[in-house]
Amino acid sequence: MIEPDGLIRVNGQQAIREPRLWLLGYGSWCGPACATLLGAGRVARSMVRQLAAWLASPTQDVRL
């Protein structure tokens, strides 16, 4: 999951090597606006929609 360079590779907010891991406020797309309540809220709303769709997908293994 953690690469040799110490980073976690992501596709949007979802970790590539561990798809059950979603990271909010992480990655190259994250800018200074993410550090504000307004910016974090926008990203969080988007992530919740994506995560809900992923969880609803019958092809996903969501075991803990």
C-alpha atoms as a PDB file:
ATOM      1  CA  MET A   1       0.000   0.000   0.000  1.00  0.00           C
ATOM      2  CA  ILE A   2       2.749   2.489   0.884  1.00  0.00           C
ATOM      3  CA  GLU A   3       5.192   2.841  -1.991  1.00  0.00           C
ATOM      4  CA  PRO A   4       9.003   2.849  -1.517  1.00  0.00           C
ATOM      5  CA  ASP A   5       8.964   6.655  -1.760  1.00  0.00           C
ATOM      6  CA  GLY A   6       6.605   6.804   1.251  1.00  0.00           C
ATOM      7  CA  LEU A   7       3.537   7.855  -0.730  1.00  0.00           C
ATOM      8  CA  ILE A   8       0.197   6.172  -1.312  1.00  0.00           C
ATOM      9  CA  ARG A   9      -0.836   6.177  -4.967  1.00  0.00           C
ATOM     10  CA  VAL A  10      -4.414   7.341  -5.423  1.00  0.00           C
ATOM     11  CA  ASN A  11      -6.993   7.532  -8.170  1.00  0.00           C
ATOM     12  CA  GLY A  12      -8.922  10.613  -7.102  1.00  0.00           C
ATOM     13  CA  GLN A  13      -9.402   9.932  -3.398  1.00  0.00           C
ATOM     14  CA  GLN A  14      -9.235   6.147  -3.498  1.00  0.00           C
ATOM     15  CA  ALA A  15      -5.990   4.262  -2.873  1.00  0.00           C
ATOM     16  CA  ILE A  16      -4.992   2.207  -5.910  1.00  0.00           C
ATOM     17  CA  ARG A  17      -3.408  -0.761  -4.141  1.00  0.00           C
ATOM     18  CA  GLU A  18      -6.017  -0.875  -1.339  1.00  0.00           C
ATOM     19  CA  PRO A  19      -9.363   0.212  -2.831  1.00  0.00           C
ATOM     20  CA  ARG A  20     -11.075   0.103   0.580  1.00  0.00           C
ATOM     21  CA  LEU A  21      -8.910   3.055   1.653  1.00  0.00           C
ATOM     22  CA  TRP A  22     -10.220   6.520   0.770  1.00  0.00           C
ATOM     23  CA  LEU A  23      -8.112   9.589   1.588  1.00  0.00           C
ATOM     24  CA  LEU A  24      -9.623  13.021   2.109  1.00  0.00           C
ATOM     25  CA  GLY A  25      -7.231  15.949   1.712  1.00  0.00           C
ATOM     26  CA  TYR A  26      -4.397  13.894   0.236  1.00  0.00           C
ATOM     27  CA  GLY A  27      -2.815  13.840  -3.198  1.00  0.00           C
ATOM     28  CA  SER A  28      -1.530  16.211  -5.841  1.00  0.00           C
ATOM     29  CA  TRP A  29      -5.016  17.625  -6.527  1.00  0.00           C
ATOM     30  CA  CYS A  30      -5.232  18.987  -2.962  1.00  0.00           C
ATOM     31  CA  GLY A  31      -4.553  22.717  -2.724  1.00  0.00           C
ATOM     32  CA  PRO A  32      -4.753  25.430  -0.057  1.00  0.00           C
ATOM     33  CA  ALA A  33      -8.555  25.618  -0.355  1.00  0.00           C
ATOM     34  CA  CYS A  34      -8.800  22.080   1.031  1.00  0.00           C
ATOM     35  CA  ALA A  35      -7.519  23.433   4.340  1.00  0.00           C
ATOM     36  CA  THR A  36     -10.622  25.589   4.790  1.00  0.00           C
ATOM     37  CA  LEU A  37     -14.007  24.428   6.071  1.00  0.00           C
ATOM     38  CA  LEU A  38     -15.624  25.389   2.784  1.00  0.00           C
ATOM     39  CA  GLY A  39     -13.009  23.618   0.677  1.00  0.00           C
ATOM     40  CA  ALA A  40     -12.976  20.510   2.865  1.00  0.00           C
ATOM     41  CA  GLY A  41     -16.766  20.383   2.793  1.00  0.00           C
ATOM     42  CA  ARG A  42     -16.873  20.408  -0.994  1.00  0.00           C
ATOM     43  CA  VAL A  43     -14.345  17.622  -1.258  1.00  0.00           C
ATOM     44  CA  ALA A  44     -16.080  15.640   1.499  1.00  0.00           C
ATOM     45  CA  ARG A  45     -19.468  15.859  -0.241  1.00  0.00           C
ATOM     46  CA  SER A  46     -17.921  14.667  -3.476  1.00  0.00           C
ATOM     47  CA  MET A  47     -16.135  11.836  -1.715  1.00  0.00           C
ATOM     48  CA  VAL A  48     -19.310  10.685   0.058  1.00  0.00           C
ATOM     49  CA  ARG A  49     -21.124  10.395  -3.277  1.00  0.00           C
ATOM     50  CA  GLN A  50     -18.238   8.426  -4.797  1.00  0.00           C
ATOM     51  CA  LEU A  51     -17.888   6.187  -1.752  1.00  0.00           C
ATOM     52  CA  ALA A  52     -21.645   5.486  -1.588  1.00  0.00           C
ATOM     53  CA  ALA A  53     -21.641   4.503  -5.268  1.00  0.00           C
ATOM     54  CA  TRP A  54     -18.603   2.282  -4.724  1.00  0.00           C
ATOM     55  CA  LEU A  55     -20.204   0.590  -1.707  1.00  0.00           C
ATOM     56  CA  ALA A  56     -23.439   0.028  -3.642  1.00  0.00           C
ATOM     57  CA  SER A  57     -21.592  -1.662  -6.502  1.00  0.00           C
ATOM     58  CA  PRO A  58     -22.189  -5.414  -6.368  1.00  0.00           C
ATOM     59  CA  THR A  59     -18.674  -6.126  -7.673  1.00  0.00           C
ATOM     60  CA  GLN A  60     -16.833  -4.516  -4.747  1.00  0.00           C
ATOM     61  CA  ASP A  61     -15.425  -6.542  -1.867  1.00  0.00           C
ATOM     62  CA  VAL A  62     -16.157  -4.369   1.155  1.00  0.00           C
ATOM     63  CA  ARG A  63     -15.168  -6.804   3.906  1.00  0.00           C
ATOM     64  CA  LEU A  64     -13.436  -5.208   6.861  1.00  0.00           C
END
